[in-house]
Amino acid sequence: MFRKAEAFLLLAIAYSLIRWVPMRHWRKWLGPLEPQSALAEDQHARAIAFGDLVERTATAAPFAAKCLACAMAARWMLARRGIATQLCFGARKGQDWRSHDLHAWLMAGDSCIIGAEERETYQTMGRP
């Protein structure tokens, strides 16, 4: 129960930041953006479980927590537990970032734990 409450609270914080605060004020909260090293097997399993928890919580939230809010919340939850992740951004293939057809996903080791279902249709454009 505590983890679900934590996921909901972090989703609400991420959603609020994205919606009402200019990114320049919270960009540093995204954490280090370099590729992370491989994870131990137990860390990998925990990362996947937390990613699933955040996505399930987001679908039940009374606000529209989309890919970036989910990736931020999961990243914060995993960072508290010492599990390194990488937040990635992309534009739909064949378009650039000005199209506003953007997507965020969260990598833990070699696994995409948030945003995997749409990731293949987007071209990585870097990190904020």
N, C-alpha and C. Protein backbone atom coordinates (compact mmCIF):
# COMPACT_ATOMS: atom_id res chain seq x y z
N MET A 1 0.82 -1.20 0.00
CA MET A 1 0.00 0.00 0.00
C MET A 1 0.86 1.26 0.00
N PHE A 2 1.96 1.24 0.77
CA PHE A 2 2.83 2.41 0.84
C PHE A 2 3.42 2.73 -0.53
N ARG A 3 3.84 1.71 -1.27
CA ARG A 3 4.44 1.95 -2.58
C ARG A 3 3.45 2.57 -3.55
N LYS A 4 2.20 2.14 -3.50
CA LYS A 4 1.19 2.72 -4.37
C LYS A 4 0.94 4.18 -4.01
N ALA A 5 0.90 4.48 -2.72
CA ALA A 5 0.73 5.87 -2.27
C ALA A 5 1.94 6.71 -2.70
N GLU A 6 3.12 6.14 -2.58
CA GLU A 6 4.33 6.84 -3.02
C GLU A 6 4.26 7.12 -4.52
N ALA A 7 3.86 6.13 -5.30
CA ALA A 7 3.74 6.30 -6.75
C ALA A 7 2.74 7.40 -7.08
N PHE A 8 1.59 7.38 -6.40
CA PHE A 8 0.57 8.40 -6.66
C PHE A 8 1.08 9.80 -6.32
N LEU A 9 1.71 9.94 -5.18
CA LEU A 9 2.23 11.24 -4.77
C LEU A 9 3.29 11.75 -5.75
N LEU A 10 4.21 10.89 -6.16
CA LEU A 10 5.25 11.32 -7.09
C LEU A 10 4.68 11.62 -8.47
N LEU A 11 3.67 10.87 -8.90
CA LEU A 11 2.99 11.19 -10.16
C LEU A 11 2.33 12.56 -10.09
N ALA A 12 1.68 12.85 -8.96
CA ALA A 12 1.02 14.16 -8.79
C ALA A 12 2.04 15.29 -8.81
N ILE A 13 3.18 15.08 -8.17
CA ILE A 13 4.23 16.10 -8.17
C ILE A 13 4.76 16.30 -9.59
N ALA A 14 5.07 15.20 -10.27
CA ALA A 14 5.60 15.30 -11.64
C ALA A 14 4.58 15.97 -12.56
N TYR A 15 3.32 15.57 -12.48
CA TYR A 15 2.27 16.16 -13.30
C TYR A 15 2.17 17.67 -13.05
N SER A 16 2.20 18.06 -11.79
CA SER A 16 2.10 19.48 -11.43
C SER A 16 3.28 20.27 -11.96
N LEU A 17 4.48 19.72 -11.82
CA LEU A 17 5.66 20.41 -12.35
C LEU A 17 5.55 20.61 -13.86
N ILE A 18 5.21 19.55 -14.56
CA ILE A 18 5.11 19.60 -16.03
C ILE A 18 4.05 20.61 -16.45
N ARG A 19 2.94 20.58 -15.77
CA ARG A 19 1.80 21.42 -16.18
C ARG A 19 1.97 22.90 -15.82
N TRP A 20 2.52 23.19 -14.64
CA TRP A 20 2.47 24.57 -14.17
C TRP A 20 3.81 25.26 -13.94
N VAL A 21 4.90 24.54 -14.00
CA VAL A 21 6.20 25.14 -13.71
C VAL A 21 7.09 25.02 -14.95
N PRO A 22 7.70 26.12 -15.40
CA PRO A 22 8.59 26.03 -16.56
C PRO A 22 9.71 25.00 -16.32
N MET A 23 10.03 24.26 -17.36
CA MET A 23 11.01 23.18 -17.23
C MET A 23 12.35 23.65 -16.70
N ARG A 24 12.75 24.85 -17.00
CA ARG A 24 14.06 25.32 -16.54
C ARG A 24 14.18 25.30 -15.01
N HIS A 25 13.02 25.32 -14.31
CA HIS A 25 13.04 25.30 -12.85
C HIS A 25 13.13 23.90 -12.26
N TRP A 26 12.75 22.87 -13.02
CA TRP A 26 12.77 21.51 -12.47
C TRP A 26 13.62 20.53 -13.27
N ARG A 27 14.25 21.00 -14.30
CA ARG A 27 15.07 20.14 -15.15
C ARG A 27 16.13 19.38 -14.34
N LYS A 28 16.72 20.04 -13.37
CA LYS A 28 17.76 19.39 -12.56
C LYS A 28 17.22 18.22 -11.75
N TRP A 29 15.92 18.17 -11.51
CA TRP A 29 15.32 17.08 -10.75
C TRP A 29 15.22 15.79 -11.56
N LEU A 30 15.53 15.87 -12.85
CA LEU A 30 15.51 14.67 -13.68
C LEU A 30 16.70 13.78 -13.39
N GLY A 31 17.68 14.31 -12.68
CA GLY A 31 18.84 13.52 -12.30
C GLY A 31 19.87 13.44 -13.40
N PRO A 32 20.93 12.67 -13.18
CA PRO A 32 21.96 12.53 -14.21
C PRO A 32 21.37 11.87 -15.45
N LEU A 33 21.78 12.35 -16.61
CA LEU A 33 21.17 11.89 -17.85
C LEU A 33 22.09 11.02 -18.70
N GLU A 34 23.26 10.66 -18.17
CA GLU A 34 24.16 9.81 -18.91
C GLU A 34 23.63 8.37 -18.89
N PRO A 35 24.05 7.56 -19.87
CA PRO A 35 23.66 6.14 -19.83
C PRO A 35 24.16 5.49 -18.55
N GLN A 36 23.35 4.63 -17.99
CA GLN A 36 23.69 3.97 -16.74
C GLN A 36 24.27 2.59 -17.00
N SER A 37 24.97 2.07 -16.03
CA SER A 37 25.58 0.74 -16.16
C SER A 37 24.51 -0.35 -16.03
N ALA A 38 24.91 -1.56 -16.33
CA ALA A 38 24.01 -2.70 -16.22
C ALA A 38 23.57 -2.89 -14.77
N LEU A 39 22.40 -3.45 -14.60
CA LEU A 39 21.85 -3.68 -13.26
C LEU A 39 22.04 -5.13 -12.85
N ALA A 40 22.13 -5.33 -11.55
CA ALA A 40 22.12 -6.69 -11.01
C ALA A 40 20.73 -7.28 -11.25
N GLU A 41 20.63 -8.59 -11.24
CA GLU A 41 19.37 -9.26 -11.55
C GLU A 41 18.24 -8.83 -10.60
N ASP A 42 18.54 -8.70 -9.31
CA ASP A 42 17.49 -8.29 -8.36
C ASP A 42 17.08 -6.84 -8.60
N GLN A 43 18.02 -5.97 -8.95
CA GLN A 43 17.68 -4.58 -9.25
C GLN A 43 16.83 -4.50 -10.52
N HIS A 44 17.16 -5.30 -11.50
CA HIS A 44 16.40 -5.31 -12.75
C HIS A 44 14.95 -5.72 -12.48
N ALA A 45 14.76 -6.75 -11.69
CA ALA A 45 13.41 -7.21 -11.35
C ALA A 45 12.64 -6.13 -10.58
N ARG A 46 13.30 -5.46 -9.67
CA ARG A 46 12.64 -4.39 -8.90
C ARG A 46 12.28 -3.22 -9.81
N ALA A 47 13.17 -2.87 -10.74
CA ALA A 47 12.90 -1.76 -11.66
C ALA A 47 11.66 -2.06 -12.50
N ILE A 48 11.55 -3.26 -13.01
CA ILE A 48 10.38 -3.63 -13.80
C ILE A 48 9.11 -3.59 -12.94
N ALA A 49 9.19 -4.09 -11.72
CA ALA A 49 8.02 -4.07 -10.83
C ALA A 49 7.59 -2.64 -10.51
N PHE A 50 8.54 -1.77 -10.25
CA PHE A 50 8.19 -0.38 -9.94
C PHE A 50 7.64 0.33 -11.18
N GLY A 51 8.19 0.04 -12.35
CA GLY A 51 7.65 0.62 -13.58
C GLY A 51 6.21 0.22 -13.79
N ASP A 52 5.91 -1.06 -13.59
CA ASP A 52 4.53 -1.54 -13.71
C ASP A 52 3.62 -0.86 -12.69
N LEU A 53 4.09 -0.72 -11.46
CA LEU A 53 3.30 -0.07 -10.42
C LEU A 53 2.97 1.38 -10.80
N VAL A 54 3.95 2.11 -11.27
CA VAL A 54 3.73 3.51 -11.65
C VAL A 54 2.73 3.59 -12.81
N GLU A 55 2.87 2.74 -13.82
CA GLU A 55 1.95 2.79 -14.95
C GLU A 55 0.52 2.42 -14.54
N ARG A 56 0.36 1.43 -13.66
CA ARG A 56 -0.98 1.07 -13.16
C ARG A 56 -1.57 2.22 -12.35
N THR A 57 -0.76 2.83 -11.52
CA THR A 57 -1.23 3.95 -10.69
C THR A 57 -1.63 5.13 -11.57
N ALA A 58 -0.87 5.38 -12.64
CA ALA A 58 -1.17 6.49 -13.54
C ALA A 58 -2.52 6.31 -14.23
N THR A 59 -2.86 5.09 -14.59
CA THR A 59 -4.15 4.88 -15.27
C THR A 59 -5.33 5.12 -14.33
N ALA A 60 -5.11 4.98 -13.03
CA ALA A 60 -6.18 5.20 -12.05
C ALA A 60 -6.19 6.62 -11.48
N ALA A 61 -5.20 7.42 -11.83
CA ALA A 61 -5.10 8.77 -11.27
C ALA A 61 -6.19 9.68 -11.84
N PRO A 62 -6.67 10.65 -11.06
CA PRO A 62 -7.70 11.57 -11.53
C PRO A 62 -7.14 12.70 -12.41
N PHE A 63 -5.90 12.59 -12.82
CA PHE A 63 -5.28 13.55 -13.72
C PHE A 63 -4.57 12.75 -14.81
N ALA A 64 -4.25 13.41 -15.90
CA ALA A 64 -3.66 12.72 -17.06
C ALA A 64 -2.14 12.63 -16.92
N ALA A 65 -1.68 11.62 -16.20
CA ALA A 65 -0.24 11.41 -16.03
C ALA A 65 0.26 10.65 -17.26
N LYS A 66 0.90 11.37 -18.15
CA LYS A 66 1.39 10.78 -19.40
C LYS A 66 2.82 10.29 -19.23
N CYS A 67 3.47 10.02 -20.34
CA CYS A 67 4.77 9.34 -20.32
C CYS A 67 5.83 10.06 -19.49
N LEU A 68 5.95 11.37 -19.61
CA LEU A 68 7.01 12.07 -18.88
C LEU A 68 6.76 12.02 -17.37
N ALA A 69 5.53 12.25 -16.95
CA ALA A 69 5.22 12.18 -15.52
C ALA A 69 5.49 10.78 -14.97
N CYS A 70 5.12 9.76 -15.72
CA CYS A 70 5.37 8.37 -15.29
C CYS A 70 6.86 8.10 -15.20
N ALA A 71 7.61 8.54 -16.21
CA ALA A 71 9.06 8.31 -16.21
C ALA A 71 9.73 9.03 -15.04
N MET A 72 9.30 10.25 -14.76
CA MET A 72 9.87 11.00 -13.65
C MET A 72 9.56 10.32 -12.32
N ALA A 73 8.31 9.93 -12.12
CA ALA A 73 7.92 9.29 -10.86
C ALA A 73 8.67 7.98 -10.65
N ALA A 74 8.75 7.16 -11.67
CA ALA A 74 9.47 5.89 -11.55
C ALA A 74 10.96 6.13 -11.30
N ARG A 75 11.51 7.11 -11.96
CA ARG A 75 12.94 7.42 -11.76
C ARG A 75 13.20 7.82 -10.31
N TRP A 76 12.34 8.67 -9.77
CA TRP A 76 12.51 9.11 -8.38
C TRP A 76 12.35 7.93 -7.41
N MET A 77 11.38 7.08 -7.66
CA MET A 77 11.17 5.91 -6.79
C MET A 77 12.39 4.99 -6.81
N LEU A 78 12.91 4.74 -8.00
CA LEU A 78 14.05 3.84 -8.13
C LEU A 78 15.33 4.46 -7.58
N ALA A 79 15.50 5.76 -7.77
CA ALA A 79 16.69 6.44 -7.24
C ALA A 79 16.73 6.34 -5.72
N ARG A 80 15.57 6.44 -5.08
CA ARG A 80 15.51 6.30 -3.61
C ARG A 80 15.99 4.93 -3.16
N ARG A 81 15.89 3.96 -4.06
CA ARG A 81 16.27 2.59 -3.74
C ARG A 81 17.63 2.20 -4.33
N GLY A 82 18.34 3.21 -4.82
CA GLY A 82 19.69 2.98 -5.33
C GLY A 82 19.76 2.30 -6.68
N ILE A 83 18.69 2.39 -7.47
CA ILE A 83 18.67 1.76 -8.79
C ILE A 83 18.79 2.84 -9.85
N ALA A 84 19.85 2.75 -10.64
CA ALA A 84 20.14 3.76 -11.67
C ALA A 84 19.23 3.57 -12.88
N THR A 85 18.78 4.70 -13.43
CA THR A 85 17.94 4.69 -14.63
C THR A 85 18.39 5.79 -15.56
N GLN A 86 17.86 5.77 -16.78
CA GLN A 86 18.15 6.81 -17.76
C GLN A 86 16.84 7.27 -18.38
N LEU A 87 16.58 8.56 -18.31
CA LEU A 87 15.39 9.16 -18.90
C LEU A 87 15.73 9.57 -20.33
N CYS A 88 14.92 9.12 -21.29
CA CYS A 88 15.18 9.40 -22.71
C CYS A 88 13.99 10.14 -23.32
N PHE A 89 14.28 10.94 -24.33
CA PHE A 89 13.25 11.69 -25.04
C PHE A 89 13.38 11.44 -26.53
N GLY A 90 12.24 11.46 -27.23
CA GLY A 90 12.29 11.27 -28.67
C GLY A 90 11.14 11.96 -29.36
N ALA A 91 11.32 12.15 -30.66
CA ALA A 91 10.28 12.69 -31.53
C ALA A 91 9.85 11.56 -32.47
N ARG A 92 8.60 11.60 -32.90
CA ARG A 92 8.12 10.56 -33.81
C ARG A 92 9.03 10.50 -35.02
N LYS A 93 9.35 9.31 -35.44
CA LYS A 93 10.26 9.12 -36.57
C LYS A 93 9.73 9.86 -37.79
N GLY A 94 10.63 10.54 -38.48
CA GLY A 94 10.27 11.33 -39.64
C GLY A 94 9.86 12.75 -39.31
N GLN A 95 9.84 13.11 -38.03
CA GLN A 95 9.49 14.46 -37.61
C GLN A 95 10.56 14.97 -36.67
N ASP A 96 10.53 16.25 -36.37
CA ASP A 96 11.49 16.78 -35.40
C ASP A 96 10.73 17.23 -34.15
N TRP A 97 11.49 17.69 -33.17
CA TRP A 97 10.89 18.06 -31.89
C TRP A 97 9.87 19.17 -32.00
N ARG A 98 9.95 19.99 -33.04
CA ARG A 98 8.99 21.09 -33.18
C ARG A 98 7.58 20.60 -33.53
N SER A 99 7.46 19.33 -33.91
CA SER A 99 6.15 18.78 -34.24
C SER A 99 5.28 18.58 -32.99
N HIS A 100 5.90 18.63 -31.83
CA HIS A 100 5.22 18.42 -30.55
C HIS A 100 4.67 17.01 -30.42
N ASP A 101 5.12 16.10 -31.26
CA ASP A 101 4.76 14.69 -31.13
C ASP A 101 5.94 14.01 -30.45
N LEU A 102 6.03 14.21 -29.14
CA LEU A 102 7.18 13.77 -28.36
C LEU A 102 6.79 12.63 -27.42
N HIS A 103 7.82 11.92 -26.97
CA HIS A 103 7.60 10.79 -26.05
C HIS A 103 8.78 10.71 -25.10
N ALA A 104 8.53 10.28 -23.89
CA ALA A 104 9.59 10.05 -22.90
C ALA A 104 9.51 8.60 -22.46
N TRP A 105 10.66 8.02 -22.20
CA TRP A 105 10.69 6.66 -21.68
C TRP A 105 11.83 6.52 -20.70
N LEU A 106 11.74 5.51 -19.86
CA LEU A 106 12.73 5.30 -18.81
C LEU A 106 13.40 3.95 -19.01
N MET A 107 14.72 3.99 -19.06
CA MET A 107 15.53 2.78 -19.22
C MET A 107 16.15 2.41 -17.88
N ALA A 108 16.15 1.13 -17.58
CA ALA A 108 16.85 0.59 -16.41
C ALA A 108 17.73 -0.53 -16.97
N GLY A 109 19.01 -0.27 -17.05
CA GLY A 109 19.90 -1.21 -17.73
C GLY A 109 19.52 -1.23 -19.20
N ASP A 110 19.27 -2.42 -19.73
CA ASP A 110 18.88 -2.56 -21.14
C ASP A 110 17.37 -2.63 -21.33
N SER A 111 16.61 -2.50 -20.27
CA SER A 111 15.15 -2.64 -20.35
C SER A 111 14.45 -1.30 -20.27
N CYS A 112 13.45 -1.14 -21.11
CA CYS A 112 12.59 0.04 -21.06
C CYS A 112 11.46 -0.28 -20.09
N ILE A 113 11.41 0.45 -18.98
CA ILE A 113 10.41 0.12 -17.95
C ILE A 113 9.21 1.07 -17.95
N ILE A 114 9.34 2.21 -18.59
CA ILE A 114 8.21 3.14 -18.76
C ILE A 114 8.23 3.59 -20.22
N GLY A 115 7.08 3.53 -20.87
CA GLY A 115 6.97 4.04 -22.23
C GLY A 115 7.41 3.08 -23.32
N ALA A 116 7.56 1.81 -23.01
CA ALA A 116 8.07 0.84 -23.98
C ALA A 116 7.13 0.62 -25.16
N GLU A 117 5.83 0.68 -24.91
CA GLU A 117 4.87 0.34 -25.96
C GLU A 117 4.94 1.26 -27.18
N GLU A 118 5.35 2.49 -27.00
CA GLU A 118 5.43 3.43 -28.12
C GLU A 118 6.85 3.78 -28.51
N ARG A 119 7.80 3.33 -27.76
CA ARG A 119 9.19 3.75 -27.94
C ARG A 119 9.72 3.48 -29.34
N GLU A 120 9.35 2.38 -29.95
CA GLU A 120 9.90 2.01 -31.26
C GLU A 120 9.48 2.97 -32.38
N THR A 121 8.40 3.72 -32.19
CA THR A 121 7.95 4.65 -33.23
C THR A 121 8.57 6.04 -33.06
N TYR A 122 9.49 6.17 -32.10
CA TYR A 122 10.14 7.45 -31.83
C TYR A 122 11.64 7.34 -32.01
N GLN A 123 12.22 8.41 -32.47
CA GLN A 123 13.67 8.52 -32.64
C GLN A 123 14.23 9.27 -31.44
N THR A 124 15.20 8.67 -30.77
CA THR A 124 15.81 9.34 -29.62
C THR A 124 16.44 10.65 -30.08
N MET A 125 16.12 11.73 -29.37
CA MET A 125 16.69 13.03 -29.73
C MET A 125 17.57 13.57 -28.63
N GLY A 126 17.74 12.81 -27.58
CA GLY A 126 18.61 13.27 -26.51
C GLY A 126 17.86 13.40 -25.21
N ARG A 127 18.49 14.13 -24.34
CA ARG A 127 17.95 14.34 -23.01
C ARG A 127 17.82 15.83 -22.77
N PRO A 128 16.89 16.22 -21.90
CA PRO A 128 16.66 17.67 -21.69
C PRO A 128 17.85 18.38 -21.09
